[in-house]
Amino acid sequence: MVNKLKKLYIGNLPWSVDNTKLAELFQKYPSVTSANVIMDRQTNRSRGFGFVEFSDDAEAMKAVEEMNETDIEGRKLVVNEARPLQDNR
Protein backbone atom coordinates (compact mmCIF):
# COMPACT_ATOMS: atom_id res chain seq x y z
CA MET A 1 0.00 0.00 0.00
CA VAL A 2 1.31 3.45 -0.94
CA ASN A 3 1.45 6.01 1.86
CA LYS A 4 -0.53 9.09 0.78
CA LEU A 5 1.01 12.47 1.50
CA LYS A 6 -0.82 14.92 3.75
CA LYS A 7 -1.07 18.36 2.11
CA LEU A 8 -1.46 21.56 4.12
CA TYR A 9 -2.71 24.90 2.80
CA ILE A 10 -0.59 27.86 3.92
CA GLY A 11 -2.37 31.19 3.43
CA ASN A 12 -1.76 34.89 4.09
CA LEU A 13 1.90 34.58 3.06
CA PRO A 14 3.91 37.79 2.70
CA TRP A 15 4.80 38.54 -0.95
CA SER A 16 8.49 38.00 -0.12
CA VAL A 17 7.99 34.30 0.68
CA ASP A 18 9.15 31.94 -2.08
CA ASN A 19 9.45 28.14 -2.17
CA THR A 20 12.78 28.20 -0.32
CA LYS A 21 11.52 30.49 2.45
CA LEU A 22 8.33 28.42 2.83
CA ALA A 23 10.42 25.26 3.19
CA GLU A 24 12.55 27.04 5.82
CA LEU A 25 9.43 27.99 7.80
CA PHE A 26 8.54 24.29 8.09
CA GLN A 27 12.08 22.85 8.38
CA LYS A 28 11.57 21.77 12.01
CA TYR A 29 9.21 19.04 10.72
CA PRO A 30 11.36 16.26 9.22
CA SER A 31 8.50 14.65 7.29
CA VAL A 32 8.07 17.66 4.93
CA THR A 33 8.45 16.38 1.37
CA SER A 34 7.72 19.59 -0.57
CA ALA A 35 6.89 23.29 -0.18
CA ASN A 36 5.35 25.22 -3.05
CA VAL A 37 4.24 28.86 -3.20
CA ILE A 38 1.57 29.44 -5.87
CA MET A 39 2.67 32.08 -8.38
CA ASP A 40 0.55 34.26 -10.66
CA ARG A 41 1.30 33.19 -14.26
CA GLN A 42 1.07 36.71 -15.71
CA THR A 43 2.93 38.75 -13.09
CA ASN A 44 5.17 35.96 -11.75
CA ARG A 45 4.43 37.23 -8.22
CA SER A 46 3.28 35.14 -5.29
CA ARG A 47 -0.48 34.80 -4.97
CA GLY A 48 -0.06 34.83 -1.18
CA PHE A 49 -0.60 31.14 -0.53
CA GLY A 50 1.06 27.80 -0.98
CA PHE A 51 1.11 24.15 0.01
CA VAL A 52 3.40 22.01 2.15
CA GLU A 53 3.29 18.22 1.88
CA PHE A 54 4.12 15.84 4.73
CA SER A 55 4.77 12.10 4.67
CA ASP A 56 3.53 11.78 8.29
CA ASP A 57 -0.11 12.65 9.10
CA ALA A 58 0.50 13.19 12.81
CA GLU A 59 3.36 15.58 12.14
CA ALA A 60 1.22 17.48 9.61
CA MET A 61 -1.51 17.95 12.21
CA LYS A 62 1.11 19.09 14.73
CA ALA A 63 2.30 21.66 12.19
CA VAL A 64 -1.28 22.96 11.82
CA GLU A 65 -1.53 23.42 15.59
CA GLU A 66 1.89 25.04 15.96
CA MET A 67 2.11 27.15 12.79
CA ASN A 68 -1.46 28.47 12.38
CA GLU A 69 -1.55 32.20 13.21
CA THR A 70 2.26 32.39 13.41
CA ASP A 71 3.38 35.97 12.68
CA ILE A 72 5.61 36.18 9.59
CA GLU A 73 6.65 39.69 8.54
CA GLY A 74 3.58 41.18 10.23
CA ARG A 75 1.10 38.70 8.73
CA LYS A 76 -0.58 35.85 10.58
CA LEU A 77 -0.32 32.61 8.64
CA VAL A 78 -3.41 30.52 7.96
CA VAL A 79 -2.43 26.85 8.16
CA ASN A 80 -4.95 24.06 7.69
CA GLU A 81 -5.49 20.81 5.87
CA ALA A 82 -5.81 21.40 2.13
CA ARG A 83 -9.16 20.58 0.60
CA PRO A 84 -9.24 18.28 -2.43
CA LEU A 85 -8.94 20.06 -5.78
CA GLN A 86 -12.37 20.77 -7.26
CA ASP A 87 -13.10 20.20 -10.94
CA ASN A 88 -14.51 23.58 -12.05
CA ARG A 89 -15.48 22.62 -15.57
C-alpha atoms as a PDB file:
ATOM      1  CA  MET A   1       0.000   0.000   0.000  1.00  0.00           C
ATOM      2  CA  VAL A   2       1.314   3.451  -0.945  1.00  0.00           C
ATOM      3  CA  ASN A   3       1.453   6.009   1.864  1.00  0.00           C
ATOM      4  CA  LYS A   4      -0.533   9.085   0.782  1.00  0.00           C
ATOM      5  CA  LEU A   5       1.013  12.472   1.498  1.00  0.00           C
ATOM      6  CA  LYS A   6      -0.816  14.924   3.746  1.00  0.00           C
ATOM      7  CA  LYS A   7      -1.070  18.363   2.110  1.00  0.00           C
ATOM      8  CA  LEU A   8      -1.456  21.562   4.122  1.00  0.00           C
ATOM      9  CA  TYR A   9      -2.711  24.897   2.804  1.00  0.00           C
ATOM     10  CA  ILE A  10      -0.592  27.859   3.923  1.00  0.00           C
ATOM     11  CA  GLY A  11      -2.366  31.188   3.426  1.00  0.00           C
ATOM     12  CA  ASN A  12      -1.761  34.886   4.087  1.00  0.00           C
ATOM     13  CA  LEU A  13       1.895  34.577   3.061  1.00  0.00           C
ATOM     14  CA  PRO A  14       3.908  37.793   2.696  1.00  0.00           C
ATOM     15  CA  TRP A  15       4.804  38.542  -0.946  1.00  0.00           C
ATOM     16  CA  SER A  16       8.487  38.002  -0.123  1.00  0.00           C
ATOM     17  CA  VAL A  17       7.994  34.300   0.682  1.00  0.00           C
ATOM     18  CA  ASP A  18       9.151  31.941  -2.076  1.00  0.00           C
ATOM     19  CA  ASN A  19       9.453  28.136  -2.168  1.00  0.00           C
ATOM     20  CA  THR A  20      12.782  28.201  -0.317  1.00  0.00           C
ATOM     21  CA  LYS A  21      11.517  30.495   2.447  1.00  0.00           C
ATOM     22  CA  LEU A  22       8.326  28.420   2.830  1.00  0.00           C
ATOM     23  CA  ALA A  23      10.423  25.256   3.187  1.00  0.00           C
ATOM     24  CA  GLU A  24      12.552  27.037   5.818  1.00  0.00           C
ATOM     25  CA  LEU A  25       9.432  27.993   7.804  1.00  0.00           C
ATOM     26  CA  PHE A  26       8.543  24.289   8.095  1.00  0.00           C
ATOM     27  CA  GLN A  27      12.076  22.846   8.381  1.00  0.00           C
ATOM     28  CA  LYS A  28      11.567  21.769  12.006  1.00  0.00           C
ATOM     29  CA  TYR A  29       9.209  19.039  10.715  1.00  0.00           C
ATOM     30  CA  PRO A  30      11.362  16.255   9.225  1.00  0.00           C
ATOM     31  CA  SER A  31       8.504  14.653   7.286  1.00  0.00           C
ATOM     32  CA  VAL A  32       8.066  17.658   4.926  1.00  0.00           C
ATOM     33  CA  THR A  33       8.449  16.378   1.372  1.00  0.00           C
ATOM     34  CA  SER A  34       7.718  19.591  -0.574  1.00  0.00           C
ATOM     35  CA  ALA A  35       6.891  23.287  -0.176  1.00  0.00           C
ATOM     36  CA  ASN A  36       5.354  25.217  -3.050  1.00  0.00           C
ATOM     37  CA  VAL A  37       4.241  28.862  -3.203  1.00  0.00           C
ATOM     38  CA  ILE A  38       1.575  29.445  -5.868  1.00  0.00           C
ATOM     39  CA  MET A  39       2.668  32.079  -8.375  1.00  0.00           C
ATOM     40  CA  ASP A  40       0.548  34.260 -10.664  1.00  0.00           C
ATOM     41  CA  ARG A  41       1.296  33.193 -14.255  1.00  0.00           C
ATOM     42  CA  GLN A  42       1.066  36.705 -15.709  1.00  0.00           C
ATOM     43  CA  THR A  43       2.930  38.751 -13.087  1.00  0.00           C
ATOM     44  CA  ASN A  44       5.174  35.955 -11.747  1.00  0.00           C
ATOM     45  CA  ARG A  45       4.427  37.226  -8.217  1.00  0.00           C
ATOM     46  CA  SER A  46       3.283  35.144  -5.288  1.00  0.00           C
ATOM     47  CA  ARG A  47      -0.480  34.797  -4.967  1.00  0.00           C
ATOM     48  CA  GLY A  48      -0.056  34.831  -1.177  1.00  0.00           C
ATOM     49  CA  PHE A  49      -0.605  31.137  -0.528  1.00  0.00           C
ATOM     50  CA  GLY A  50       1.062  27.802  -0.977  1.00  0.00           C
ATOM     51  CA  PHE A  51       1.113  24.150   0.013  1.00  0.00           C
ATOM     52  CA  VAL A  52       3.400  22.010   2.153  1.00  0.00           C
ATOM     53  CA  GLU A  53       3.293  18.215   1.881  1.00  0.00           C
ATOM     54  CA  PHE A  54       4.118  15.841   4.728  1.00  0.00           C
ATOM     55  CA  SER A  55       4.773  12.104   4.672  1.00  0.00           C
ATOM     56  CA  ASP A  56       3.529  11.783   8.286  1.00  0.00           C
ATOM     57  CA  ASP A  57      -0.114  12.651   9.099  1.00  0.00           C
ATOM     58  CA  ALA A  58       0.498  13.191  12.813  1.00  0.00           C
ATOM     59  CA  GLU A  59       3.357  15.579  12.139  1.00  0.00           C
ATOM     60  CA  ALA A  60       1.224  17.483   9.607  1.00  0.00           C
ATOM     61  CA  MET A  61      -1.513  17.954  12.212  1.00  0.00           C
ATOM     62  CA  LYS A  62       1.110  19.089  14.731  1.00  0.00           C
ATOM     63  CA  ALA A  63       2.300  21.663  12.191  1.00  0.00           C
ATOM     64  CA  VAL A  64      -1.277  22.957  11.816  1.00  0.00           C
ATOM     65  CA  GLU A  65      -1.531  23.424  15.592  1.00  0.00           C
ATOM     66  CA  GLU A  66       1.889  25.042  15.958  1.00  0.00           C
ATOM     67  CA  MET A  67       2.108  27.155  12.788  1.00  0.00           C
ATOM     68  CA  ASN A  68      -1.462  28.469  12.380  1.00  0.00           C
ATOM     69  CA  GLU A  69      -1.551  32.195  13.208  1.00  0.00           C
ATOM     70  CA  THR A  70       2.258  32.395  13.406  1.00  0.00           C
ATOM     71  CA  ASP A  71       3.381  35.971  12.676  1.00  0.00           C
ATOM     72  CA  ILE A  72       5.612  36.183   9.594  1.00  0.00           C
ATOM     73  CA  GLU A  73       6.652  39.693   8.541  1.00  0.00           C
ATOM     74  CA  GLY A  74       3.584  41.176  10.232  1.00  0.00           C
ATOM     75  CA  ARG A  75       1.098  38.703   8.726  1.00  0.00           C
ATOM     76  CA  LYS A  76      -0.583  35.851  10.585  1.00  0.00           C
ATOM     77  CA  LEU A  77      -0.319  32.610   8.640  1.00  0.00           C
ATOM     78  CA  VAL A  78      -3.406  30.520   7.964  1.00  0.00           C
ATOM     79  CA  VAL A  79      -2.425  26.854   8.156  1.00  0.00           C
ATOM     80  CA  ASN A  80      -4.953  24.058   7.686  1.00  0.00           C
ATOM     81  CA  GLU A  81      -5.489  20.810   5.868  1.00  0.00           C
ATOM     82  CA  ALA A  82      -5.810  21.400   2.130  1.00  0.00           C
ATOM     83  CA  ARG A  83      -9.163  20.585   0.604  1.00  0.00           C
ATOM     84  CA  PRO A  84      -9.238  18.284  -2.426  1.00  0.00           C
ATOM     85  CA  LEU A  85      -8.939  20.062  -5.777  1.00  0.00           C
ATOM     86  CA  GLN A  86     -12.373  20.765  -7.260  1.00  0.00           C
ATOM     87  CA  ASP A  87     -13.097  20.198 -10.939  1.00  0.00           C
ATOM     88  CA  ASN A  88     -14.509  23.578 -12.045  1.00  0.00           C
ATOM     89  CA  ARG A  89     -15.478  22.617 -15.574  1.00  0.00           C
END
